[in-house]
PDB file of N, CA and C in Angstrom:
ATOM      1  N   MET A   1     -27.865 -59.174  70.115  1.00  0.00           N
ATOM      2  CA  MET A   1     -28.322 -59.334  68.756  1.00  0.00           C
ATOM      3  C   MET A   1     -29.533 -60.251  68.718  1.00  0.00           C
ATOM      4  N   SER A   2     -30.422 -59.935  67.814  1.00  0.00           N
ATOM      5  CA  SER A   2     -31.604 -60.763  67.694  1.00  0.00           C
ATOM      6  C   SER A   2     -31.281 -62.026  66.896  1.00  0.00           C
ATOM      7  N   TYR A   3     -32.140 -62.997  67.043  1.00  0.00           N
ATOM      8  CA  TYR A   3     -31.968 -64.251  66.317  1.00  0.00           C
ATOM      9  C   TYR A   3     -31.974 -64.006  64.812  1.00  0.00           C
ATOM     10  N   ASP A   4     -32.897 -63.145  64.334  1.00  0.00           N
ATOM     11  CA  ASP A   4     -32.996 -62.866  62.895  1.00  0.00           C
ATOM     12  C   ASP A   4     -31.714 -62.235  62.369  1.00  0.00           C
ATOM     13  N   LEU A   5     -31.129 -61.309  63.129  1.00  0.00           N
ATOM     14  CA  LEU A   5     -29.893 -60.665  62.695  1.00  0.00           C
ATOM     15  C   LEU A   5     -28.738 -61.658  62.709  1.00  0.00           C
ATOM     16  N   ASP A   6     -28.661 -62.473  63.742  1.00  0.00           N
ATOM     17  CA  ASP A   6     -27.621 -63.514  63.798  1.00  0.00           C
ATOM     18  C   ASP A   6     -27.715 -64.442  62.594  1.00  0.00           C
ATOM     19  N   LEU A   7     -28.917 -64.841  62.250  1.00  0.00           N
ATOM     20  CA  LEU A   7     -29.142 -65.734  61.116  1.00  0.00           C
ATOM     21  C   LEU A   7     -28.744 -65.046  59.808  1.00  0.00           C
ATOM     22  N   LYS A   8     -29.120 -63.777  59.661  1.00  0.00           N
ATOM     23  CA  LYS A   8     -28.786 -63.026  58.454  1.00  0.00           C
ATOM     24  C   LYS A   8     -27.265 -62.904  58.302  1.00  0.00           C
ATOM     25  N   ILE A   9     -26.567 -62.641  59.386  1.00  0.00           N
ATOM     26  CA  ILE A   9     -25.106 -62.536  59.356  1.00  0.00           C
ATOM     27  C   ILE A   9     -24.488 -63.875  58.978  1.00  0.00           C
ATOM     28  N   MET A  10     -24.974 -64.959  59.576  1.00  0.00           N
ATOM     29  CA  MET A  10     -24.449 -66.286  59.247  1.00  0.00           C
ATOM     30  C   MET A  10     -24.660 -66.607  57.773  1.00  0.00           C
ATOM     31  N   GLU A  11     -25.842 -66.284  57.263  1.00  0.00           N
ATOM     32  CA  GLU A  11     -26.144 -66.547  55.852  1.00  0.00           C
ATOM     33  C   GLU A  11     -25.250 -65.723  54.929  1.00  0.00           C
ATOM     34  N   MET A  12     -25.026 -64.455  55.288  1.00  0.00           N
ATOM     35  CA  MET A  12     -24.183 -63.615  54.454  1.00  0.00           C
ATOM     36  C   MET A  12     -22.731 -64.080  54.506  1.00  0.00           C
ATOM     37  N   LYS A  13     -22.264 -64.502  55.668  1.00  0.00           N
ATOM     38  CA  LYS A  13     -20.900 -65.035  55.765  1.00  0.00           C
ATOM     39  C   LYS A  13     -20.740 -66.263  54.875  1.00  0.00           C
ATOM     40  N   GLU A  14     -21.718 -67.122  54.908  1.00  0.00           N
ATOM     41  CA  GLU A  14     -21.683 -68.338  54.081  1.00  0.00           C
ATOM     42  C   GLU A  14     -21.657 -67.975  52.591  1.00  0.00           C
ATOM     43  N   LYS A  15     -22.508 -67.045  52.203  1.00  0.00           N
ATOM     44  CA  LYS A  15     -22.567 -66.614  50.805  1.00  0.00           C
ATOM     45  C   LYS A  15     -21.237 -66.004  50.379  1.00  0.00           C
ATOM     46  N   LYS A  16     -20.683 -65.117  51.204  1.00  0.00           N
ATOM     47  CA  LYS A  16     -19.408 -64.461  50.878  1.00  0.00           C
ATOM     48  C   LYS A  16     -18.271 -65.477  50.838  1.00  0.00           C
ATOM     49  N   TYR A  17     -18.316 -66.473  51.700  1.00  0.00           N
ATOM     50  CA  TYR A  17     -17.290 -67.514  51.726  1.00  0.00           C
ATOM     51  C   TYR A  17     -17.176 -68.168  50.347  1.00  0.00           C
ATOM     52  N   TYR A  18     -18.317 -68.512  49.768  1.00  0.00           N
ATOM     53  CA  TYR A  18     -18.314 -69.165  48.457  1.00  0.00           C
ATOM     54  C   TYR A  18     -18.048 -68.171  47.326  1.00  0.00           C
ATOM     55  N   GLU A  19     -18.616 -66.973  47.409  1.00  0.00           N
ATOM     56  CA  GLU A  19     -18.372 -65.952  46.378  1.00  0.00           C
ATOM     57  C   GLU A  19     -16.887 -65.615  46.275  1.00  0.00           C
ATOM     58  N   GLN A  20     -16.229 -65.543  47.398  1.00  0.00           N
ATOM     59  CA  GLN A  20     -14.818 -65.160  47.443  1.00  0.00           C
ATOM     60  C   GLN A  20     -13.890 -66.362  47.306  1.00  0.00           C
ATOM     61  N   GLY A  21     -14.445 -67.535  47.110  1.00  0.00           N
ATOM     62  CA  GLY A  21     -13.635 -68.735  46.940  1.00  0.00           C
ATOM     63  C   GLY A  21     -12.832 -69.085  48.179  1.00  0.00           C
ATOM     64  N   ALA A  22     -13.389 -68.795  49.350  1.00  0.00           N
ATOM     65  CA  ALA A  22     -12.762 -69.064  50.644  1.00  0.00           C
ATOM     66  C   ALA A  22     -11.463 -68.278  50.839  1.00  0.00           C
ATOM     67  N   ILE A  23     -11.367 -67.140  50.161  1.00  0.00           N
ATOM     68  CA  ILE A  23     -10.183 -66.298  50.262  1.00  0.00           C
ATOM     69  C   ILE A  23     -10.527 -65.037  51.050  1.00  0.00           C
ATOM     70  N   CYS A  24      -9.687 -64.683  51.996  1.00  0.00           N
ATOM     71  CA  CYS A  24      -9.869 -63.477  52.806  1.00  0.00           C
ATOM     72  C   CYS A  24      -9.693 -62.250  51.919  1.00  0.00           C
ATOM     73  N   ALA A  25     -10.652 -61.340  51.974  1.00  0.00           N
ATOM     74  CA  ALA A  25     -10.585 -60.117  51.170  1.00  0.00           C
ATOM     75  C   ALA A  25      -9.508 -59.161  51.689  1.00  0.00           C
ATOM     76  N   GLY A  26      -9.038 -59.376  52.900  1.00  0.00           N
ATOM     77  CA  GLY A  26      -8.022 -58.492  53.472  1.00  0.00           C
ATOM     78  C   GLY A  26      -6.601 -58.896  53.143  1.00  0.00           C
ATOM     79  N   CYS A  27      -6.292 -60.181  53.341  1.00  0.00           N
ATOM     80  CA  CYS A  27      -4.904 -60.624  53.170  1.00  0.00           C
ATOM     81  C   CYS A  27      -4.698 -61.531  51.962  1.00  0.00           C
ATOM     82  N   GLY A  28      -5.795 -62.029  51.389  1.00  0.00           N
ATOM     83  CA  GLY A  28      -5.682 -62.887  50.214  1.00  0.00           C
ATOM     84  C   GLY A  28      -5.359 -64.338  50.520  1.00  0.00           C
ATOM     85  N   LYS A  29      -5.351 -64.693  51.795  1.00  0.00           N
ATOM     86  CA  LYS A  29      -5.047 -66.073  52.179  1.00  0.00           C
ATOM     87  C   LYS A  29      -6.339 -66.864  52.369  1.00  0.00           C
ATOM     88  N   LEU A  30      -6.204 -68.162  52.307  1.00  0.00           N
ATOM     89  CA  LEU A  30      -7.327 -69.067  52.475  1.00  0.00           C
ATOM     90  C   LEU A  30      -7.939 -68.924  53.868  1.00  0.00           C
ATOM     91  N   ILE A  31      -9.259 -68.975  53.910  1.00  0.00           N
ATOM     92  CA  ILE A  31      -9.989 -68.978  55.179  1.00  0.00           C
ATOM     93  C   ILE A  31     -10.400 -70.412  55.450  1.00  0.00           C
ATOM     94  N   GLY A  32      -9.939 -70.972  56.553  1.00  0.00           N
ATOM     95  CA  GLY A  32     -10.322 -72.323  56.932  1.00  0.00           C
ATOM     96  C   GLY A  32     -11.815 -72.409  57.202  1.00  0.00           C
ATOM     97  N   ARG A  33     -12.409 -73.532  56.894  1.00  0.00           N
ATOM     98  CA  ARG A  33     -13.868 -73.703  57.005  1.00  0.00           C
ATOM     99  C   ARG A  33     -14.405 -73.364  58.393  1.00  0.00           C
ATOM    100  N   ASN A  34     -13.675 -73.683  59.443  1.00  0.00           N
ATOM    101  CA  ASN A  34     -14.148 -73.419  60.804  1.00  0.00           C
ATOM    102  C   ASN A  34     -13.423 -72.253  61.475  1.00  0.00           C
ATOM    103  N   GLU A  35     -12.699 -71.494  60.674  1.00  0.00           N
ATOM    104  CA  GLU A  35     -11.961 -70.348  61.186  1.00  0.00           C
ATOM    105  C   GLU A  35     -12.904 -69.182  61.501  1.00  0.00           C
ATOM    106  N   PRO A  36     -12.644 -68.452  62.584  1.00  0.00           N
ATOM    107  CA  PRO A  36     -13.478 -67.276  62.877  1.00  0.00           C
ATOM    108  C   PRO A  36     -13.318 -66.219  61.782  1.00  0.00           C
ATOM    109  N   THR A  37     -14.431 -65.613  61.380  1.00  0.00           N
ATOM    110  CA  THR A  37     -14.422 -64.613  60.309  1.00  0.00           C
ATOM    111  C   THR A  37     -15.219 -63.379  60.713  1.00  0.00           C
ATOM    112  N   HIS A  38     -15.034 -62.316  59.952  1.00  0.00           N
ATOM    113  CA  HIS A  38     -15.817 -61.092  60.106  1.00  0.00           C
ATOM    114  C   HIS A  38     -16.412 -60.711  58.768  1.00  0.00           C
ATOM    115  N   LEU A  39     -17.559 -60.083  58.816  1.00  0.00           N
ATOM    116  CA  LEU A  39     -18.078 -59.374  57.660  1.00  0.00           C
ATOM    117  C   LEU A  39     -17.554 -57.955  57.820  1.00  0.00           C
ATOM    118  N   SER A  40     -16.610 -57.596  57.001  1.00  0.00           N
ATOM    119  CA  SER A  40     -15.953 -56.305  57.127  1.00  0.00           C
ATOM    120  C   SER A  40     -16.591 -55.286  56.194  1.00  0.00           C
ATOM    121  N   HIS A  41     -16.757 -54.085  56.694  1.00  0.00           N
ATOM    122  CA  HIS A  41     -17.378 -53.005  55.932  1.00  0.00           C
ATOM    123  C   HIS A  41     -16.358 -52.324  55.030  1.00  0.00           C
ATOM    124  N   VAL A  42     -16.686 -52.241  53.763  1.00  0.00           N
ATOM    125  CA  VAL A  42     -15.822 -51.561  52.805  1.00  0.00           C
ATOM    126  C   VAL A  42     -15.920 -50.050  53.010  1.00  0.00           C
ATOM    127  N   LEU A  43     -17.126 -49.570  53.265  1.00  0.00           N
ATOM    128  CA  LEU A  43     -17.334 -48.165  53.576  1.00  0.00           C
ATOM    129  C   LEU A  43     -17.275 -47.985  55.092  1.00  0.00           C
ATOM    130  N   PRO A  44     -16.608 -46.947  55.573  1.00  0.00           N
ATOM    131  CA  PRO A  44     -16.521 -46.735  57.019  1.00  0.00           C
ATOM    132  C   PRO A  44     -17.914 -46.579  57.629  1.00  0.00           C
ATOM    133  N   GLN A  45     -18.079 -47.052  58.838  1.00  0.00           N
ATOM    134  CA  GLN A  45     -19.369 -46.967  59.521  1.00  0.00           C
ATOM    135  C   GLN A  45     -19.501 -45.667  60.320  1.00  0.00           C
ATOM    136  N   ARG A  46     -18.817 -44.651  59.893  1.00  0.00           N
ATOM    137  CA  ARG A  46     -18.882 -43.367  60.593  1.00  0.00           C
ATOM    138  C   ARG A  46     -20.240 -42.707  60.359  1.00  0.00           C
ATOM    139  N   LYS A  47     -20.635 -41.907  61.336  1.00  0.00           N
ATOM    140  CA  LYS A  47     -21.938 -41.253  61.282  1.00  0.00           C
ATOM    141  C   LYS A  47     -22.107 -40.419  60.006  1.00  0.00           C
ATOM    142  N   TRP A  48     -21.084 -39.656  59.648  1.00  0.00           N
ATOM    143  CA  TRP A  48     -21.207 -38.785  58.473  1.00  0.00           C
ATOM    144  C   TRP A  48     -21.302 -39.595  57.184  1.00  0.00           C
ATOM    145  N   VAL A  49     -20.670 -40.763  57.157  1.00  0.00           N
ATOM    146  CA  VAL A  49     -20.752 -41.621  55.967  1.00  0.00           C
ATOM    147  C   VAL A  49     -22.174 -42.175  55.846  1.00  0.00           C
ATOM    148  N   LYS A  50     -22.745 -42.593  56.973  1.00  0.00           N
ATOM    149  CA  LYS A  50     -24.124 -43.096  56.958  1.00  0.00           C
ATOM    150  C   LYS A  50     -25.100 -42.000  56.547  1.00  0.00           C
ATOM    151  N   GLN A  51     -24.858 -40.771  57.029  1.00  0.00           N
ATOM    152  CA  GLN A  51     -25.737 -39.662  56.664  1.00  0.00           C
ATOM    153  C   GLN A  51     -25.600 -39.315  55.182  1.00  0.00           C
ATOM    154  N   LEU A  52     -24.402 -39.376  54.667  1.00  0.00           N
ATOM    155  CA  LEU A  52     -24.152 -39.014  53.270  1.00  0.00           C
ATOM    156  C   LEU A  52     -24.722 -40.037  52.299  1.00  0.00           C
ATOM    157  N   TYR A  53     -24.488 -41.324  52.563  1.00  0.00           N
ATOM    158  CA  TYR A  53     -24.880 -42.379  51.621  1.00  0.00           C
ATOM    159  C   TYR A  53     -26.114 -43.159  52.055  1.00  0.00           C
ATOM    160  N   GLY A  54     -26.428 -43.134  53.326  1.00  0.00           N
ATOM    161  CA  GLY A  54     -27.553 -43.887  53.863  1.00  0.00           C
ATOM    162  C   GLY A  54     -27.120 -45.243  54.391  1.00  0.00           C
ATOM    163  N   GLU A  55     -27.786 -45.691  55.433  1.00  0.00           N
ATOM    164  CA  GLU A  55     -27.442 -46.971  56.057  1.00  0.00           C
ATOM    165  C   GLU A  55     -27.661 -48.144  55.104  1.00  0.00           C
ATOM    166  N   GLU A  56     -28.664 -48.036  54.226  1.00  0.00           N
ATOM    167  CA  GLU A  56     -28.909 -49.152  53.304  1.00  0.00           C
ATOM    168  C   GLU A  56     -27.737 -49.344  52.346  1.00  0.00           C
ATOM    169  N   VAL A  57     -26.968 -48.294  52.080  1.00  0.00           N
ATOM    170  CA  VAL A  57     -25.771 -48.407  51.242  1.00  0.00           C
ATOM    171  C   VAL A  57     -24.612 -48.936  52.072  1.00  0.00           C
ATOM    172  N   VAL A  58     -24.377 -48.343  53.243  1.00  0.00           N
ATOM    173  CA  VAL A  58     -23.243 -48.722  54.090  1.00  0.00           C
ATOM    174  C   VAL A  58     -23.333 -50.185  54.531  1.00  0.00           C
ATOM    175  N   TYR A  59     -24.555 -50.675  54.774  1.00  0.00           N
ATOM    176  CA  TYR A  59     -24.737 -52.045  55.248  1.00  0.00           C
ATOM    177  C   TYR A  59     -25.151 -53.025  54.144  1.00  0.00           C
ATOM    178  N   HIS A  60     -25.110 -52.577  52.914  1.00  0.00           N
ATOM    179  CA  HIS A  60     -25.486 -53.441  51.785  1.00  0.00           C
ATOM    180  C   HIS A  60     -24.468 -54.574  51.632  1.00  0.00           C
ATOM    181  N   GLU A  61     -24.916 -55.680  51.126  1.00  0.00           N
ATOM    182  CA  GLU A  61     -24.033 -56.840  50.979  1.00  0.00           C
ATOM    183  C   GLU A  61     -22.862 -56.568  50.033  1.00  0.00           C
ATOM    184  N   LEU A  62     -23.027 -55.694  49.044  1.00  0.00           N
ATOM    185  CA  LEU A  62     -21.911 -55.339  48.164  1.00  0.00           C
ATOM    186  C   LEU A  62     -20.843 -54.515  48.893  1.00  0.00           C
ATOM    187  N   ALA A  63     -21.223 -53.922  50.015  1.00  0.00           N
ATOM    188  CA  ALA A  63     -20.291 -53.119  50.795  1.00  0.00           C
ATOM    189  C   ALA A  63     -19.679 -53.936  51.934  1.00  0.00           C
ATOM    190  N   MET A  64     -19.802 -55.247  51.852  1.00  0.00           N
ATOM    191  CA  MET A  64     -19.273 -56.145  52.881  1.00  0.00           C
ATOM    192  C   MET A  64     -18.349 -57.172  52.236  1.00  0.00           C
ATOM    193  N   LYS A  65     -17.293 -57.491  52.941  1.00  0.00           N
ATOM    194  CA  LYS A  65     -16.353 -58.522  52.491  1.00  0.00           C
ATOM    195  C   LYS A  65     -16.085 -59.457  53.664  1.00  0.00           C
ATOM    196  N   LEU A  66     -15.823 -60.707  53.357  1.00  0.00           N
ATOM    197  CA  LEU A  66     -15.481 -61.682  54.388  1.00  0.00           C
ATOM    198  C   LEU A  66     -13.970 -61.648  54.610  1.00  0.00           C
ATOM    199  N   THR A  67     -13.587 -61.536  55.878  1.00  0.00           N
ATOM    200  CA  THR A  67     -12.171 -61.500  56.233  1.00  0.00           C
ATOM    201  C   THR A  67     -11.913 -62.401  57.434  1.00  0.00           C
ATOM    202  N   HIS A  68     -10.629 -62.644  57.675  1.00  0.00           N
ATOM    203  CA  HIS A  68     -10.253 -63.289  58.926  1.00  0.00           C
ATOM    204  C   HIS A  68     -10.711 -62.387  60.072  1.00  0.00           C
ATOM    205  N   ALA A  69     -10.900 -62.968  61.228  1.00  0.00           N
ATOM    206  CA  ALA A  69     -11.404 -62.224  62.383  1.00  0.00           C
ATOM    207  C   ALA A  69     -10.273 -61.503  63.113  1.00  0.00           C
ATOM    208  N   ASP A  70      -9.517 -60.710  62.393  1.00  0.00           N
ATOM    209  CA  ASP A  70      -8.498 -59.901  63.054  1.00  0.00           C
ATOM    210  C   ASP A  70      -8.544 -58.491  62.482  1.00  0.00           C
ATOM    211  N   GLN A  71      -8.058 -57.555  63.234  1.00  0.00           N
ATOM    212  CA  GLN A  71      -8.153 -56.149  62.870  1.00  0.00           C
ATOM    213  C   GLN A  71      -7.391 -55.818  61.586  1.00  0.00           C
ATOM    214  N   THR A  72      -6.275 -56.483  61.346  1.00  0.00           N
ATOM    215  CA  THR A  72      -5.471 -56.188  60.156  1.00  0.00           C
ATOM    216  C   THR A  72      -6.249 -56.488  58.886  1.00  0.00           C
ATOM    217  N   CYS A  73      -6.850 -57.659  58.805  1.00  0.00           N
ATOM    218  CA  CYS A  73      -7.626 -58.023  57.616  1.00  0.00           C
ATOM    219  C   CYS A  73      -8.872 -57.152  57.498  1.00  0.00           C
ATOM    220  N   ASN A  74      -9.505 -56.896  58.618  1.00  0.00           N
ATOM    221  CA  ASN A  74     -10.703 -56.063  58.637  1.00  0.00           C
ATOM    222  C   ASN A  74     -10.389 -54.674  58.089  1.00  0.00           C
ATOM    223  N   ALA A  75      -9.333 -54.060  58.570  1.00  0.00           N
ATOM    224  CA  ALA A  75      -8.969 -52.708  58.138  1.00  0.00           C
ATOM    225  C   ALA A  75      -8.518 -52.669  56.684  1.00  0.00           C
ATOM    226  N   ALA A  76      -7.963 -53.759  56.192  1.00  0.00           N
ATOM    227  CA  ALA A  76      -7.420 -53.781  54.836  1.00  0.00           C
ATOM    228  C   ALA A  76      -8.486 -53.648  53.753  1.00  0.00           C
ATOM    229  N   VAL A  77      -9.730 -53.981  54.042  1.00  0.00           N
ATOM    230  CA  VAL A  77     -10.775 -53.938  53.014  1.00  0.00           C
ATOM    231  C   VAL A  77     -11.474 -52.583  52.938  1.00  0.00           C
ATOM    232  N   GLN A  78     -11.291 -51.767  53.942  1.00  0.00           N
ATOM    233  CA  GLN A  78     -12.008 -50.498  53.990  1.00  0.00           C
ATOM    234  C   GLN A  78     -11.441 -49.496  52.983  1.00  0.00           C
ATOM    235  N   ILE A  79     -12.339 -48.889  52.219  1.00  0.00           N
ATOM    236  CA  ILE A  79     -11.948 -47.851  51.275  1.00  0.00           C
ATOM    237  C   ILE A  79     -11.921 -46.528  52.031  1.00  0.00           C
ATOM    238  N   SER A  80     -10.822 -45.837  51.954  1.00  0.00           N
ATOM    239  CA  SER A  80     -10.717 -44.528  52.575  1.00  0.00           C
ATOM    240  C   SER A  80     -11.700 -43.570  51.906  1.00  0.00           C
ATOM    241  N   PRO A  81     -12.451 -42.779  52.694  1.00  0.00           N
ATOM    242  CA  PRO A  81     -13.421 -41.853  52.101  1.00  0.00           C
ATOM    243  C   PRO A  81     -12.792 -40.844  51.142  1.00  0.00           C
ATOM    244  N   ASN A  82     -11.467 -40.609  51.250  1.00  0.00           N
ATOM    245  CA  ASN A  82     -10.844 -39.653  50.330  1.00  0.00           C
ATOM    246  C   ASN A  82     -10.511 -40.287  48.970  1.00  0.00           C
ATOM    247  N   LYS A  83     -10.767 -41.565  48.806  1.00  0.00           N
ATOM    248  CA  LYS A  83     -10.629 -42.222  47.499  1.00  0.00           C
ATOM    249  C   LYS A  83     -11.989 -42.131  46.803  1.00  0.00           C
ATOM    250  N   THR A  84     -12.309 -40.906  46.443  1.00  0.00           N
ATOM    251  CA  THR A  84     -13.641 -40.553  45.965  1.00  0.00           C
ATOM    252  C   THR A  84     -14.126 -41.407  44.817  1.00  0.00           C
ATOM    253  N   GLN A  85     -13.304 -41.659  43.836  1.00  0.00           N
ATOM    254  CA  GLN A  85     -13.744 -42.417  42.660  1.00  0.00           C
ATOM    255  C   GLN A  85     -14.160 -43.837  43.040  1.00  0.00           C
ATOM    256  N   LEU A  86     -13.349 -44.513  43.861  1.00  0.00           N
ATOM    257  CA  LEU A  86     -13.696 -45.875  44.285  1.00  0.00           C
ATOM    258  C   LEU A  86     -14.982 -45.900  45.100  1.00  0.00           C
ATOM    259  N   VAL A  87     -15.115 -44.935  46.009  1.00  0.00           N
ATOM    260  CA  VAL A  87     -16.313 -44.854  46.844  1.00  0.00           C
ATOM    261  C   VAL A  87     -17.531 -44.600  45.955  1.00  0.00           C
ATOM    262  N   ASN A  88     -17.430 -43.629  45.056  1.00  0.00           N
ATOM    263  CA  ASN A  88     -18.563 -43.296  44.188  1.00  0.00           C
ATOM    264  C   ASN A  88     -18.969 -44.464  43.299  1.00  0.00           C
ATOM    265  N   GLU A  89     -17.995 -45.204  42.767  1.00  0.00           N
ATOM    266  CA  GLU A  89     -18.316 -46.360  41.926  1.00  0.00           C
ATOM    267  C   GLU A  89     -19.084 -47.414  42.718  1.00  0.00           C
ATOM    268  N   LEU A  90     -18.631 -47.680  43.943  1.00  0.00           N
ATOM    269  CA  LEU A  90     -19.319 -48.667  44.776  1.00  0.00           C
ATOM    270  C   LEU A  90     -20.718 -48.191  45.140  1.00  0.00           C
ATOM    271  N   VAL A  91     -20.839 -46.942  45.551  1.00  0.00           N
ATOM    272  CA  VAL A  91     -22.140 -46.399  45.935  1.00  0.00           C
ATOM    273  C   VAL A  91     -23.105 -46.428  44.755  1.00  0.00           C
ATOM    274  N   GLU A  92     -22.642 -46.067  43.564  1.00  0.00           N
ATOM    275  CA  GLU A  92     -23.499 -46.114  42.375  1.00  0.00           C
ATOM    276  C   GLU A  92     -23.975 -47.538  42.082  1.00  0.00           C
ATOM    277  N   LYS A  93     -23.066 -48.495  42.211  1.00  0.00           N
ATOM    278  CA  LYS A  93     -23.426 -49.897  41.967  1.00  0.00           C
ATOM    279  C   LYS A  93     -24.483 -50.368  42.974  1.00  0.00           C
ATOM    280  N   ILE A  94     -24.294 -50.002  44.237  1.00  0.00           N
ATOM    281  CA  ILE A  94     -25.254 -50.405  45.276  1.00  0.00           C
ATOM    282  C   ILE A  94     -26.597 -49.733  45.036  1.00  0.00           C
ATOM    283  N   ARG A  95     -26.597 -48.441  44.767  1.00  0.00           N
ATOM    284  CA  ARG A  95     -27.859 -47.721  44.530  1.00  0.00           C
ATOM    285  C   ARG A  95     -28.587 -48.275  43.312  1.00  0.00           C
ATOM    286  N   SER A  96     -27.843 -48.651  42.292  1.00  0.00           N
ATOM    287  CA  SER A  96     -28.444 -49.248  41.100  1.00  0.00           C
ATOM    288  C   SER A  96     -29.130 -50.563  41.459  1.00  0.00           C
ATOM    289  N   GLU A  97     -28.466 -51.363  42.263  1.00  0.00           N
ATOM    290  CA  GLU A  97     -29.058 -52.637  42.679  1.00  0.00           C
ATOM    291  C   GLU A  97     -30.289 -52.398  43.551  1.00  0.00           C
ATOM    292  N   LEU A  98     -30.221 -51.409  44.434  1.00  0.00           N
ATOM    293  CA  LEU A  98     -31.384 -51.089  45.280  1.00  0.00           C
ATOM    294  C   LEU A  98     -32.557 -50.600  44.431  1.00  0.00           C
ATOM    295  N   ASP A  99     -32.264 -49.807  43.393  1.00  0.00           N
ATOM    296  CA  ASP A  99     -33.317 -49.328  42.500  1.00  0.00           C
ATOM    297  C   ASP A  99     -33.985 -50.471  41.762  1.00  0.00           C
ATOM    298  N   GLU A 100     -33.205 -51.460  41.344  1.00  0.00           N
ATOM    299  CA  GLU A 100     -33.746 -52.626  40.642  1.00  0.00           C
ATOM    300  C   GLU A 100     -34.702 -53.403  41.535  1.00  0.00           C
ATOM    301  N   LYS A 101     -34.386 -53.477  42.824  1.00  0.00           N
ATOM    302  CA  LYS A 101     -35.255 -54.215  43.762  1.00  0.00           C
ATOM    303  C   LYS A 101     -36.572 -53.483  44.009  1.00  0.00           C
ATOM    304  N   ASP A 102     -36.559 -52.170  43.825  1.00  0.00           N
ATOM    305  CA  ASP A 102     -37.778 -51.378  44.041  1.00  0.00           C
ATOM    306  C   ASP A 102     -38.820 -51.608  42.954  1.00  0.00           C
ATOM    307  N   TYR A 103     -38.411 -52.118  41.804  1.00  0.00           N
ATOM    308  CA  TYR A 103     -39.353 -52.336  40.696  1.00  0.00           C
ATOM    309  C   TYR A 103     -40.132 -53.580  40.866  1.00  0.00           C
TER     310      TYR A 103
END
């Protein structure tokens, strides 16, 4: 990983930590300040999902949640692609935010 990407990930983890009130989006328990964490993807990172919605949507900060660094919490935040309404609502919100930045 490049230094810029590492820095961006650290900054996003810090932002999500405060936005989420130090609560894991997967299990709902407190995340200790020095506890290992993950930025977990709400939308699956599968190739077809990236092709359908675009990488800028899949990797958008609204499509990321802070979780404990374990597979259980990580998997708990992911929206199944067959939950169409939830996926569409999130994608619309992200695209709307991306459109606002283009102006």
